[in-house]
Amino acid sequence: MNLQSLSALAGQSVSMHELQDLNKALQASGAPMAKASAGYPTQGQAGSGSFAPLVPQSIQSTLDTATYSEMAVKLWKKLTKVNVTSPLHESTVVSAYGNMDLDPFIAEGANGTNSDGTYTRKIVKVKYLAEQREITDVATMAGIMGYSGGVSRQGLAQQTIDGTKALMGKLERALFLGSSLMGVEGAGGEGLQFDGLYQQVAQPTYDGATGAHTIAANGSNYLNLDGAELTPQDLINKLYDVAAAPNFGYVNTIMLDPRVYAKLVNIATSFGRFQMSPSNSTQLVFGSEGLSIAGPGGMVSIEQAPLSTNRADQNTDPFGDPGTFTLPIANVAQAASGTSKFGAADAGGYRYRFVGVGDKGITAPVKVLTGVNETTITVLAGQKVTFTMGDAAQPISGAGGIRYYRVYRTAVGNTDGDSATYMWQFPRNPTVAAATVIVDENLHRPSTGQAYLLQMDPGVMYWAQLLDFLRRPLAQATTSIPFLLMLFGSLHVKVPTKCGIIDNVSF
């Protein structure tokens, strides 16, 4: 067997002797093939970022995955898709059938007081999502390990499948955490993202110039656990809060992080009274295939949504071209605040890291330094920490631009900045050539997530879709095939008061 007969292997079984011959031929021709990213990889070393690992070197016929699968995409699958024909989509919501405070009783022969319905126009802007991919001409011709087994000439299809999964994962996370306030450029502008569930239900506000950050949602559909563990009692209370007047929401789905889901399963296993073995089996089963809770509208399913939270650890290296963002934090100040959520148990030293996210990539983590040493910031109970970023000369959009920051913080008393985990995201100051101010009042805590109480009904929320998933070829200027995977649309929560959020739930 030689290299010329490699293309004839598709769908066939080969003997060990033939594989040995093939291996010798590949080794003999390794030098010229190594020039192509889809060619023969360095023996004994792991490939990265290219098609080199997909060149068949063994008889395994399937492709393994170390990242998320389609099972992790929960919310997108449940959303109703509504096709729209304009980038600006409008809908009308009945806010009230009439004035509920008016007494309905009248005297004989009287006509009472006129009571009109209240109607609200809801507007959502379609946003544009894309995943750019590229594959060399060599990779389109080389046989790779295919999902269907054996050696196949499906390099472009493989790249399309993986790119679609990557875009779906980013879309799923944006459905929960997207915010049009991230990366606004200029007064009255709007960021590239659509508003996710958190933005539309909790309704947080940010001011990149002053650092002011508040949650506008009222107590009936928002609860801050301040880092405590979620209990079934919390869920029950909030389910009925959302159902009470004037919300009248009937939640039918609860989505939360798998780590929170596991704790609820443990509570059910430890304190629940139920049969531990199925009637048709003699095996004991811990936990359950499904978890649900009784709500005002019937049984509410509780589902784990792995992509409802951001990645916890810091990216250690910059990616893409976000610009040379090596400026220090210009100023750090601690001061008393009447809205601070730093309690007595939270008082102590912290270390922070900041990662800038732009149109062309993400930066390496930026430290708070005193000279050459990383600073531990001591916070007292009732205080806030204000950071003035050294980004006045950094553009907001385009090459080298930073649209928003991901902030990471250690646990109290931890002086290892590398262990800082994701806390929250904060937008740039929209004013050009002005520094961004970020304030930490402990409103968001690391190692926590959210529980989303949702009325999954097209009358409450849906995906406004202008363009379905599409692969669009780009101009080919080199010996590679570039293309975009695109999706145009936005999440439209028409009646956010019929949903609820439990925030800062401990993992």
Protein backbone atom coordinates (compact mmCIF):
# COMPACT_ATOMS: atom_id res chain seq x y z
CA MET A 1 0.00 0.00 0.00
CA ASN A 2 1.22 3.50 -0.81
CA LEU A 3 -0.03 7.09 -0.75
CA GLN A 4 -1.57 6.78 -4.21
CA SER A 5 -3.91 4.06 -2.99
CA LEU A 6 -4.98 6.10 0.09
CA SER A 7 -7.99 7.60 -1.69
CA ALA A 8 -9.36 4.14 -2.43
CA LEU A 9 -9.81 3.32 1.26
CA ALA A 10 -13.14 5.09 1.69
CA GLY A 11 -15.61 2.77 3.43
CA GLN A 12 -13.27 -0.25 3.34
CA SER A 13 -11.64 -2.43 5.98
CA VAL A 14 -7.87 -2.87 5.88
CA SER A 15 -5.53 -5.41 7.41
CA MET A 16 -2.85 -4.64 9.98
CA HIS A 17 -0.17 -5.37 7.38
CA GLU A 18 -1.67 -2.77 5.03
CA LEU A 19 -1.83 -0.22 7.86
CA GLN A 20 1.87 -0.79 8.57
CA ASP A 21 2.69 -0.21 4.89
CA LEU A 22 0.59 2.95 4.94
CA ASN A 23 2.34 4.22 8.06
CA LYS A 24 5.76 3.70 6.46
CA ALA A 25 4.63 5.56 3.34
CA LEU A 26 3.30 8.46 5.41
CA GLN A 27 6.54 8.67 7.41
CA ALA A 28 8.63 8.61 4.26
CA SER A 29 6.59 11.46 2.79
CA GLY A 30 6.15 13.38 6.03
CA ALA A 31 8.47 16.25 5.20
CA PRO A 32 6.69 17.59 2.11
CA MET A 33 3.22 16.93 3.54
CA ALA A 34 4.01 18.76 6.77
CA LYS A 35 3.88 22.04 4.87
CA ALA A 36 0.10 21.74 4.64
CA SER A 37 -1.94 22.24 7.80
CA ALA A 38 -4.10 19.30 6.74
CA GLY A 39 -1.12 17.06 6.14
CA TYR A 40 0.94 14.66 8.19
CA PRO A 41 1.22 15.82 11.83
CA THR A 42 4.40 15.59 13.91
CA GLN A 43 4.44 12.10 15.33
CA GLY A 44 3.83 11.92 19.07
CA GLN A 45 2.59 15.50 19.33
CA ALA A 46 -0.96 16.73 19.66
CA GLY A 47 -2.25 18.79 16.76
CA SER A 48 -3.99 22.09 17.35
CA GLY A 49 -6.04 24.50 15.27
CA SER A 50 -5.72 22.61 11.98
CA PHE A 51 -6.92 19.53 10.16
CA ALA A 52 -3.69 17.65 10.93
CA PRO A 53 -5.28 15.52 13.68
CA LEU A 54 -8.00 14.42 11.27
CA VAL A 55 -5.62 12.60 8.92
CA PRO A 56 -6.28 8.90 9.64
CA GLN A 57 -3.56 7.32 11.75
CA SER A 58 -5.56 4.53 13.37
CA ILE A 59 -8.59 2.36 12.72
CA GLN A 60 -10.95 4.40 14.92
CA SER A 61 -13.90 5.32 12.75
CA THR A 62 -15.59 8.03 14.82
CA LEU A 63 -14.71 11.56 15.86
CA ASP A 64 -14.48 12.26 19.59
CA THR A 65 -15.46 15.59 21.09
CA ALA A 66 -14.00 17.37 24.10
CA THR A 67 -16.44 20.27 23.98
CA TYR A 68 -20.20 20.60 24.33
CA SER A 69 -22.65 18.58 22.25
CA GLU A 70 -26.08 19.45 20.94
CA MET A 71 -27.54 18.21 24.23
CA ALA A 72 -26.20 21.38 25.89
CA VAL A 73 -28.34 23.60 23.65
CA LYS A 74 -31.60 23.77 25.60
CA LEU A 75 -33.28 27.15 25.26
CA TRP A 76 -32.79 27.50 21.50
CA LYS A 77 -34.56 24.19 20.89
CA LYS A 78 -37.55 25.21 22.99
CA LEU A 79 -38.05 28.68 21.53
CA THR A 80 -40.78 29.20 18.96
CA LYS A 81 -39.29 30.62 15.75
CA VAL A 82 -41.29 33.40 14.12
CA ASN A 83 -40.19 34.53 10.66
CA VAL A 84 -40.04 38.29 10.24
CA THR A 85 -39.50 40.38 7.13
CA SER A 86 -37.93 43.52 8.56
CA PRO A 87 -34.84 44.25 10.70
CA LEU A 88 -37.16 46.22 13.00
CA HIS A 89 -39.86 43.90 14.34
CA GLU A 90 -42.89 45.21 16.24
CA SER A 91 -45.57 43.48 18.24
CA THR A 92 -48.46 44.67 20.41
CA VAL A 93 -49.04 43.56 23.98
CA VAL A 94 -52.27 43.95 25.93
CA SER A 95 -51.04 45.48 29.17
CA ALA A 96 -54.51 45.62 30.73
CA TYR A 97 -58.00 44.65 29.60
CA GLY A 98 -59.33 47.66 31.50
CA ASN A 99 -58.82 49.63 34.69
CA MET A 100 -58.84 46.98 37.42
CA ASP A 101 -59.07 49.64 40.17
CA LEU A 102 -62.49 50.85 39.01
CA ASP A 103 -65.48 49.57 40.93
CA PRO A 104 -67.68 47.60 38.49
CA PHE A 105 -70.97 48.34 40.31
CA ILE A 106 -73.40 50.95 38.97
CA ALA A 107 -76.66 52.44 40.08
CA GLU A 108 -79.86 51.51 38.30
CA GLY A 109 -80.02 53.32 34.98
CA ALA A 110 -76.43 54.62 35.23
CA ASN A 111 -73.61 53.84 32.76
CA GLY A 112 -70.52 53.87 34.99
CA THR A 113 -67.06 55.14 34.04
CA ASN A 114 -65.40 54.37 30.73
CA SER A 115 -62.63 51.78 31.12
CA ASP A 116 -60.33 51.31 28.14
CA GLY A 117 -57.79 48.59 27.55
CA THR A 118 -54.10 49.45 27.66
CA TYR A 119 -51.90 48.40 24.77
CA THR A 120 -48.12 48.57 24.47
CA ARG A 121 -46.02 48.40 21.35
CA LYS A 122 -42.92 46.24 21.77
CA ILE A 123 -40.04 46.71 19.35
CA VAL A 124 -37.08 44.40 18.84
CA LYS A 125 -34.15 44.96 16.49
CA VAL A 126 -32.84 42.00 14.54
CA LYS A 127 -29.17 41.30 15.26
CA TYR A 128 -26.64 39.54 13.06
CA LEU A 129 -24.63 36.52 14.17
CA ALA A 130 -21.83 34.92 12.19
CA GLU A 131 -19.05 32.36 12.55
CA GLN A 132 -16.15 32.81 10.14
CA ARG A 133 -14.38 29.63 9.05
CA GLU A 134 -11.71 28.76 6.53
CA ILE A 135 -10.40 25.52 5.10
CA THR A 136 -7.43 25.00 2.80
CA ASP A 137 -7.74 23.40 -0.60
CA VAL A 138 -5.52 20.57 0.67
CA ALA A 139 -7.93 19.93 3.55
CA THR A 140 -10.84 19.61 1.14
CA MET A 141 -8.99 16.84 -0.72
CA ALA A 142 -7.43 14.89 2.17
CA GLY A 143 -9.32 11.98 3.64
CA ILE A 144 -10.38 12.66 7.24
CA MET A 145 -12.05 10.76 10.03
CA GLY A 146 -15.76 11.29 9.44
CA TYR A 147 -18.71 11.09 11.79
CA SER A 148 -20.20 8.31 9.70
CA GLY A 149 -17.10 6.13 10.03
CA GLY A 150 -14.24 5.27 7.77
CA VAL A 151 -12.18 7.68 5.70
CA SER A 152 -14.22 10.31 3.88
CA ARG A 153 -13.62 13.35 1.72
CA GLN A 154 -15.81 15.67 3.77
CA GLY A 155 -13.43 18.30 5.09
CA LEU A 156 -15.66 21.19 4.11
CA ALA A 157 -18.74 19.47 5.50
CA GLN A 158 -16.86 18.73 8.73
CA GLN A 159 -15.83 22.36 9.09
CA THR A 160 -19.41 23.46 8.41
CA ILE A 161 -20.82 21.08 11.04
CA ASP A 162 -18.32 22.17 13.68
CA GLY A 163 -18.79 25.84 12.81
CA THR A 164 -22.55 25.49 13.12
CA LYS A 165 -22.17 23.89 16.55
CA ALA A 166 -19.83 26.69 17.61
CA LEU A 167 -22.32 29.32 16.48
CA MET A 168 -25.20 27.51 18.21
CA GLY A 169 -23.23 27.42 21.46
CA LYS A 170 -22.54 31.16 21.30
CA LEU A 171 -26.17 31.80 20.39
CA GLU A 172 -27.41 29.72 23.34
CA ARG A 173 -25.24 31.67 25.77
CA ALA A 174 -26.40 34.97 24.25
CA LEU A 175 -30.04 33.92 24.67
CA PHE A 176 -29.38 33.98 28.42
CA LEU A 177 -26.74 36.70 28.84
CA GLY A 178 -26.72 38.88 25.70
CA SER A 179 -27.02 42.64 26.22
CA SER A 180 -27.41 45.41 23.66
CA LEU A 181 -25.77 47.74 26.23
CA MET A 182 -22.40 46.08 25.69
CA GLY A 183 -20.27 48.12 23.34
CA VAL A 184 -22.54 51.10 22.68
CA GLU A 185 -20.67 53.72 20.70
CA GLY A 186 -21.85 57.31 21.04
CA ALA A 187 -24.88 58.80 22.76
CA GLY A 188 -28.07 56.99 21.85
CA GLY A 189 -26.18 54.16 20.19
CA GLU A 190 -26.72 50.44 20.55
CA GLY A 191 -24.38 47.48 20.80
CA LEU A 192 -24.13 44.57 18.40
CA GLN A 193 -25.77 42.05 20.74
CA PHE A 194 -29.44 41.37 21.21
CA ASP A 195 -30.87 41.38 24.73
CA GLY A 196 -30.98 37.96 26.37
CA LEU A 197 -33.27 36.73 29.09
CA TYR A 198 -31.32 38.32 31.91
CA GLN A 199 -31.35 41.74 30.26
CA GLN A 200 -35.03 41.60 29.34
CA VAL A 201 -36.33 40.14 32.61
CA ALA A 202 -33.97 41.52 35.29
CA GLN A 203 -33.57 44.76 33.29
CA PRO A 204 -30.12 45.80 34.58
CA THR A 205 -28.85 49.29 33.77
CA TYR A 206 -25.22 50.31 33.34
CA ASP A 207 -23.41 53.60 33.06
CA GLY A 208 -19.90 53.22 31.71
CA ALA A 209 -19.10 56.84 32.59
CA THR A 210 -20.01 56.67 36.30
CA GLY A 211 -20.07 52.93 36.91
CA ALA A 212 -23.66 53.04 38.20
CA HIS A 213 -25.25 49.60 37.91
CA THR A 214 -28.72 48.66 39.13
CA ILE A 215 -31.39 45.98 38.66
CA ALA A 216 -34.69 47.53 37.59
CA ALA A 217 -36.90 44.44 37.94
CA ASN A 218 -39.29 44.49 40.89
CA GLY A 219 -39.31 41.92 43.67
CA SER A 220 -42.17 39.89 42.22
CA ASN A 221 -40.05 38.44 39.43
CA TYR A 222 -36.49 38.95 40.71
CA LEU A 223 -34.72 37.47 43.72
CA ASN A 224 -31.07 37.89 44.70
CA LEU A 225 -29.77 35.00 46.81
CA ASP A 226 -26.44 36.79 47.43
CA GLY A 227 -24.44 33.58 47.01
CA ALA A 228 -26.72 31.26 48.98
CA GLU A 229 -27.79 27.84 47.74
CA LEU A 230 -31.07 27.48 45.89
CA THR A 231 -33.81 25.59 47.74
CA PRO A 232 -37.16 24.20 46.56
CA GLN A 233 -38.79 26.77 48.84
CA ASP A 234 -37.11 29.57 46.85
CA LEU A 235 -38.50 28.15 43.64
CA ILE A 236 -42.00 27.70 45.03
CA ASN A 237 -42.12 31.23 46.44
CA LYS A 238 -40.96 32.79 43.20
CA LEU A 239 -43.29 30.66 41.05
CA TYR A 240 -46.27 32.00 42.97
CA ASP A 241 -44.89 35.55 43.03
CA VAL A 242 -44.80 35.49 39.24
CA ALA A 243 -48.34 34.06 39.12
CA ALA A 244 -49.80 36.69 41.45
CA ALA A 245 -51.37 39.95 40.26
CA PRO A 246 -50.43 41.96 38.33
CA ASN A 247 -48.04 39.53 36.56
CA PHE A 248 -50.36 36.51 36.06
CA GLY A 249 -47.45 34.44 34.76
CA TYR A 250 -47.67 30.66 34.66
CA VAL A 251 -44.13 29.35 34.52
CA ASN A 252 -43.77 25.97 32.80
CA THR A 253 -39.97 25.62 32.56
CA ILE A 254 -37.08 26.35 34.92
CA MET A 255 -33.55 26.42 33.48
CA LEU A 256 -30.40 26.55 35.58
CA ASP A 257 -26.74 25.54 35.72
CA PRO A 258 -26.09 21.75 36.03
CA ARG A 259 -24.24 22.31 39.33
CA VAL A 260 -27.34 23.91 40.81
CA TYR A 261 -29.47 21.17 39.30
CA ALA A 262 -27.31 18.55 41.04
CA LYS A 263 -27.91 20.19 44.43
CA LEU A 264 -31.66 20.12 43.87
CA VAL A 265 -31.44 16.43 42.97
CA ASN A 266 -29.49 15.82 46.19
CA ILE A 267 -32.18 17.61 48.18
CA ALA A 268 -34.86 15.47 46.56
CA THR A 269 -32.85 12.30 47.20
CA SER A 270 -32.10 13.17 50.83
CA PHE A 271 -35.46 14.52 51.95
CA GLY A 272 -38.00 13.41 49.38
CA ARG A 273 -40.31 10.48 49.85
CA PHE A 274 -40.43 8.46 46.67
CA GLN A 275 -39.77 4.99 45.31
CA MET A 276 -36.05 4.60 44.58
CA SER A 277 -36.43 1.71 42.13
CA PRO A 278 -38.59 1.58 39.01
CA SER A 279 -41.48 -0.89 39.12
CA ASN A 280 -40.02 -2.90 36.24
CA SER A 281 -36.48 -3.15 37.65
CA THR A 282 -34.67 -4.55 40.65
CA GLN A 283 -31.93 -1.90 40.45
CA LEU A 284 -31.72 1.01 42.86
CA VAL A 285 -31.52 4.40 41.20
CA PHE A 286 -30.23 7.53 42.93
CA GLY A 287 -31.61 10.78 41.62
CA SER A 288 -34.04 10.90 38.77
CA GLU A 289 -34.10 11.22 35.02
CA GLY A 290 -36.37 14.21 35.41
CA LEU A 291 -36.91 16.86 38.07
CA SER A 292 -40.07 18.89 38.43
CA ILE A 293 -41.85 21.06 40.95
CA ALA A 294 -45.52 21.86 41.45
CA GLY A 295 -46.47 25.35 40.33
CA PRO A 296 -49.66 27.38 40.08
CA GLY A 297 -50.23 26.22 36.52
CA GLY A 298 -49.29 22.56 37.04
CA MET A 299 -46.02 20.65 37.10
CA VAL A 300 -42.99 22.74 36.10
CA SER A 301 -40.03 20.92 34.59
CA ILE A 302 -36.56 21.81 35.90
CA GLU A 303 -33.87 21.50 33.26
CA GLN A 304 -30.11 21.93 33.29
CA ALA A 305 -28.76 24.49 30.84
CA PRO A 306 -24.94 24.21 30.70
CA LEU A 307 -24.61 27.31 28.51
CA SER A 308 -26.67 29.59 30.75
CA THR A 309 -23.47 30.85 32.42
CA ASN A 310 -20.23 32.22 31.04
CA ARG A 311 -16.95 30.34 31.15
CA ALA A 312 -15.66 30.60 34.73
CA ASP A 313 -11.89 30.66 34.26
CA GLN A 314 -9.86 33.39 32.57
CA ASN A 315 -8.54 33.03 29.06
CA THR A 316 -4.77 32.99 29.56
CA ASP A 317 -3.82 34.24 26.11
CA PRO A 318 -5.20 36.94 23.82
CA PHE A 319 -7.09 35.79 20.74
CA GLY A 320 -7.54 37.57 17.44
CA ASP A 321 -6.69 41.26 17.11
CA PRO A 322 -8.17 43.22 20.02
CA GLY A 323 -5.26 45.65 19.97
CA THR A 324 -2.39 46.11 22.38
CA PHE A 325 -4.35 46.58 25.57
CA THR A 326 -1.58 46.69 28.16
CA LEU A 327 -2.55 49.95 29.87
CA PRO A 328 -2.73 49.73 33.68
CA ILE A 329 -5.85 50.34 35.72
CA ALA A 330 -5.72 54.11 36.14
CA ASN A 331 -7.27 54.26 39.60
CA VAL A 332 -8.87 52.06 42.27
CA ALA A 333 -10.90 53.52 45.13
CA GLN A 334 -12.94 52.08 47.97
CA ALA A 335 -15.78 54.08 49.48
CA ALA A 336 -18.93 53.59 51.51
CA SER A 337 -22.10 52.88 49.56
CA GLY A 338 -25.70 52.69 50.70
CA THR A 339 -26.45 50.04 48.06
CA SER A 340 -23.36 47.88 48.68
CA LYS A 341 -23.91 44.15 49.11
CA PHE A 342 -20.51 43.57 50.71
CA GLY A 343 -21.51 42.24 54.12
CA ALA A 344 -19.44 41.34 57.16
CA ALA A 345 -18.74 37.87 55.76
CA ASP A 346 -17.54 39.43 52.50
CA ALA A 347 -15.07 41.86 54.07
CA GLY A 348 -11.44 41.13 53.22
CA GLY A 349 -8.92 41.09 50.39
CA TYR A 350 -9.70 40.39 46.73
CA ARG A 351 -7.79 40.29 43.48
CA TYR A 352 -9.38 41.28 40.18
CA ARG A 353 -8.66 40.53 36.53
CA PHE A 354 -10.14 42.30 33.50
CA VAL A 355 -10.49 40.89 29.97
CA GLY A 356 -11.40 43.21 27.12
CA VAL A 357 -13.73 41.88 24.41
CA GLY A 358 -13.75 43.53 20.99
CA ASP A 359 -14.87 43.03 17.41
CA LYS A 360 -11.64 41.27 16.47
CA GLY A 361 -10.83 39.24 19.57
CA ILE A 362 -10.23 39.20 23.31
CA THR A 363 -7.31 40.48 25.36
CA ALA A 364 -5.16 38.70 27.89
CA PRO A 365 -6.22 39.28 31.51
CA VAL A 366 -5.20 42.70 32.84
CA LYS A 367 -4.07 42.90 36.48
CA VAL A 368 -4.39 45.68 39.02
CA LEU A 369 -0.75 46.56 39.74
CA THR A 370 1.20 48.48 42.32
CA GLY A 371 4.50 48.91 40.58
CA VAL A 372 5.24 45.47 39.20
CA ASN A 373 3.24 43.57 41.81
CA GLU A 374 -0.41 42.57 41.64
CA THR A 375 -2.51 44.46 44.17
CA THR A 376 -4.79 42.91 46.76
CA ILE A 377 -7.79 45.18 47.23
CA THR A 378 -9.23 45.25 50.73
CA VAL A 379 -12.98 45.85 50.96
CA LEU A 380 -14.90 46.59 54.15
CA ALA A 381 -18.56 45.79 54.79
CA GLY A 382 -20.79 48.41 53.19
CA GLN A 383 -18.15 49.56 50.71
CA LYS A 384 -17.89 49.58 46.94
CA VAL A 385 -14.81 49.33 44.73
CA THR A 386 -14.48 51.75 41.81
CA PHE A 387 -12.08 51.03 38.95
CA THR A 388 -11.14 53.71 36.45
CA MET A 389 -9.83 51.94 33.37
CA GLY A 390 -6.86 53.27 31.41
CA ASP A 391 -8.73 52.90 28.11
CA ALA A 392 -9.42 56.49 27.03
CA ALA A 393 -7.21 56.03 23.95
CA GLN A 394 -8.67 52.60 23.12
CA PRO A 395 -11.28 52.60 20.31
CA ILE A 396 -14.64 50.96 20.94
CA SER A 397 -15.33 49.28 17.59
CA GLY A 398 -13.34 47.88 14.71
CA ALA A 399 -9.76 46.63 14.75
CA GLY A 400 -8.14 47.14 18.14
CA GLY A 401 -11.48 48.06 19.71
CA ILE A 402 -12.79 47.00 23.13
CA ARG A 403 -16.58 46.94 23.48
CA TYR A 404 -16.94 45.57 27.01
CA TYR A 405 -15.08 43.90 29.87
CA ARG A 406 -15.39 40.54 31.53
CA VAL A 407 -14.45 40.97 35.17
CA TYR A 408 -12.98 38.16 37.26
CA ARG A 409 -12.57 38.14 41.05
CA THR A 410 -11.05 35.80 43.59
CA ALA A 411 -12.79 34.48 46.67
CA VAL A 412 -12.38 36.68 49.74
CA GLY A 413 -8.93 36.28 51.26
CA ASN A 414 -7.48 34.61 48.14
CA THR A 415 -4.33 36.38 46.91
CA ASP A 416 -3.81 34.18 43.84
CA GLY A 417 -5.04 36.31 40.94
CA ASP A 418 -4.80 33.34 38.56
CA SER A 419 -7.64 31.67 40.48
CA ALA A 420 -10.03 34.59 39.90
CA THR A 421 -13.26 33.40 38.29
CA TYR A 422 -15.89 35.14 36.18
CA MET A 423 -17.97 37.72 38.02
CA TRP A 424 -19.88 39.75 35.38
CA GLN A 425 -19.63 41.82 32.20
CA PHE A 426 -19.50 45.63 32.07
CA PRO A 427 -19.74 47.95 29.02
CA ARG A 428 -17.23 50.53 27.84
CA ASN A 429 -17.87 54.20 28.32
CA PRO A 430 -19.80 55.10 25.13
CA THR A 431 -18.15 58.51 25.00
CA VAL A 432 -15.21 58.45 22.59
CA ALA A 433 -11.79 59.08 24.21
CA ALA A 434 -13.24 58.85 27.75
CA ALA A 435 -12.20 56.36 30.43
CA THR A 436 -14.55 53.59 31.55
CA VAL A 437 -15.62 53.35 35.19
CA ILE A 438 -16.53 49.95 36.64
CA VAL A 439 -18.07 49.66 40.11
CA ASP A 440 -18.23 46.45 42.14
CA GLU A 441 -20.87 46.55 44.88
CA ASN A 442 -21.05 42.75 45.09
CA LEU A 443 -24.24 42.84 43.06
CA HIS A 444 -22.76 39.95 41.06
CA ARG A 445 -20.69 37.22 42.68
CA PRO A 446 -18.18 34.74 41.22
CA SER A 447 -19.07 31.02 41.28
CA THR A 448 -22.77 31.78 41.04
CA GLY A 449 -25.39 31.59 38.31
CA GLN A 450 -29.05 32.24 37.66
CA ALA A 451 -32.22 30.20 37.76
CA TYR A 452 -34.59 31.25 34.96
CA LEU A 453 -38.32 30.77 35.54
CA LEU A 454 -39.87 30.89 32.07
CA GLN A 455 -43.31 30.79 30.56
CA MET A 456 -42.32 29.13 27.29
CA ASP A 457 -45.23 30.39 25.24
CA PRO A 458 -45.09 32.29 21.91
CA GLY A 459 -47.40 34.86 23.46
CA VAL A 460 -44.66 35.59 26.00
CA MET A 461 -41.39 34.99 24.14
CA TYR A 462 -40.12 33.79 20.79
CA TRP A 463 -37.18 34.04 18.39
CA ALA A 464 -37.77 36.70 15.72
CA GLN A 465 -35.94 35.23 12.74
CA LEU A 466 -34.99 37.22 9.66
CA LEU A 467 -32.57 34.64 8.24
CA ASP A 468 -32.19 30.96 9.07
CA PHE A 469 -28.78 29.30 9.41
CA LEU A 470 -26.95 29.92 6.15
CA ARG A 471 -23.46 29.24 4.83
CA ARG A 472 -22.23 32.10 2.67
CA PRO A 473 -18.99 31.69 0.65
CA LEU A 474 -16.53 34.58 0.82
CA ALA A 475 -14.15 35.77 -1.88
CA GLN A 476 -11.30 33.29 -2.34
CA ALA A 477 -8.01 35.23 -2.61
CA THR A 478 -5.67 32.39 -1.56
CA THR A 479 -5.58 28.61 -1.82
CA SER A 480 -8.17 28.28 0.90
CA ILE A 481 -11.95 28.44 1.06
CA PRO A 482 -13.31 31.07 3.50
CA PHE A 483 -17.00 31.19 4.38
CA LEU A 484 -19.42 32.59 6.94
CA LEU A 485 -22.09 30.73 8.87
CA MET A 486 -24.80 33.29 9.52
CA LEU A 487 -28.01 33.69 11.50
CA PHE A 488 -30.11 36.88 11.69
CA GLY A 489 -32.61 37.31 14.50
CA SER A 490 -33.27 38.36 18.09
CA LEU A 491 -34.87 37.04 21.24
CA HIS A 492 -38.18 38.81 21.79
CA VAL A 493 -39.58 38.60 25.34
CA LYS A 494 -42.92 40.33 24.84
CA VAL A 495 -44.08 40.05 28.46
CA PRO A 496 -41.02 39.81 30.73
CA THR A 497 -43.16 40.10 33.90
CA LYS A 498 -44.50 36.60 33.25
CA CYS A 499 -41.01 35.22 33.83
CA GLY A 500 -38.67 35.37 36.81
CA ILE A 501 -34.97 35.25 37.68
CA ILE A 502 -33.29 34.03 40.85
CA ASP A 503 -29.84 35.59 40.81
CA ASN A 504 -26.46 34.81 42.43
CA VAL A 505 -27.28 31.16 43.07
CA SER A 506 -24.30 29.35 44.56
CA PHE A 507 -22.67 26.55 42.59
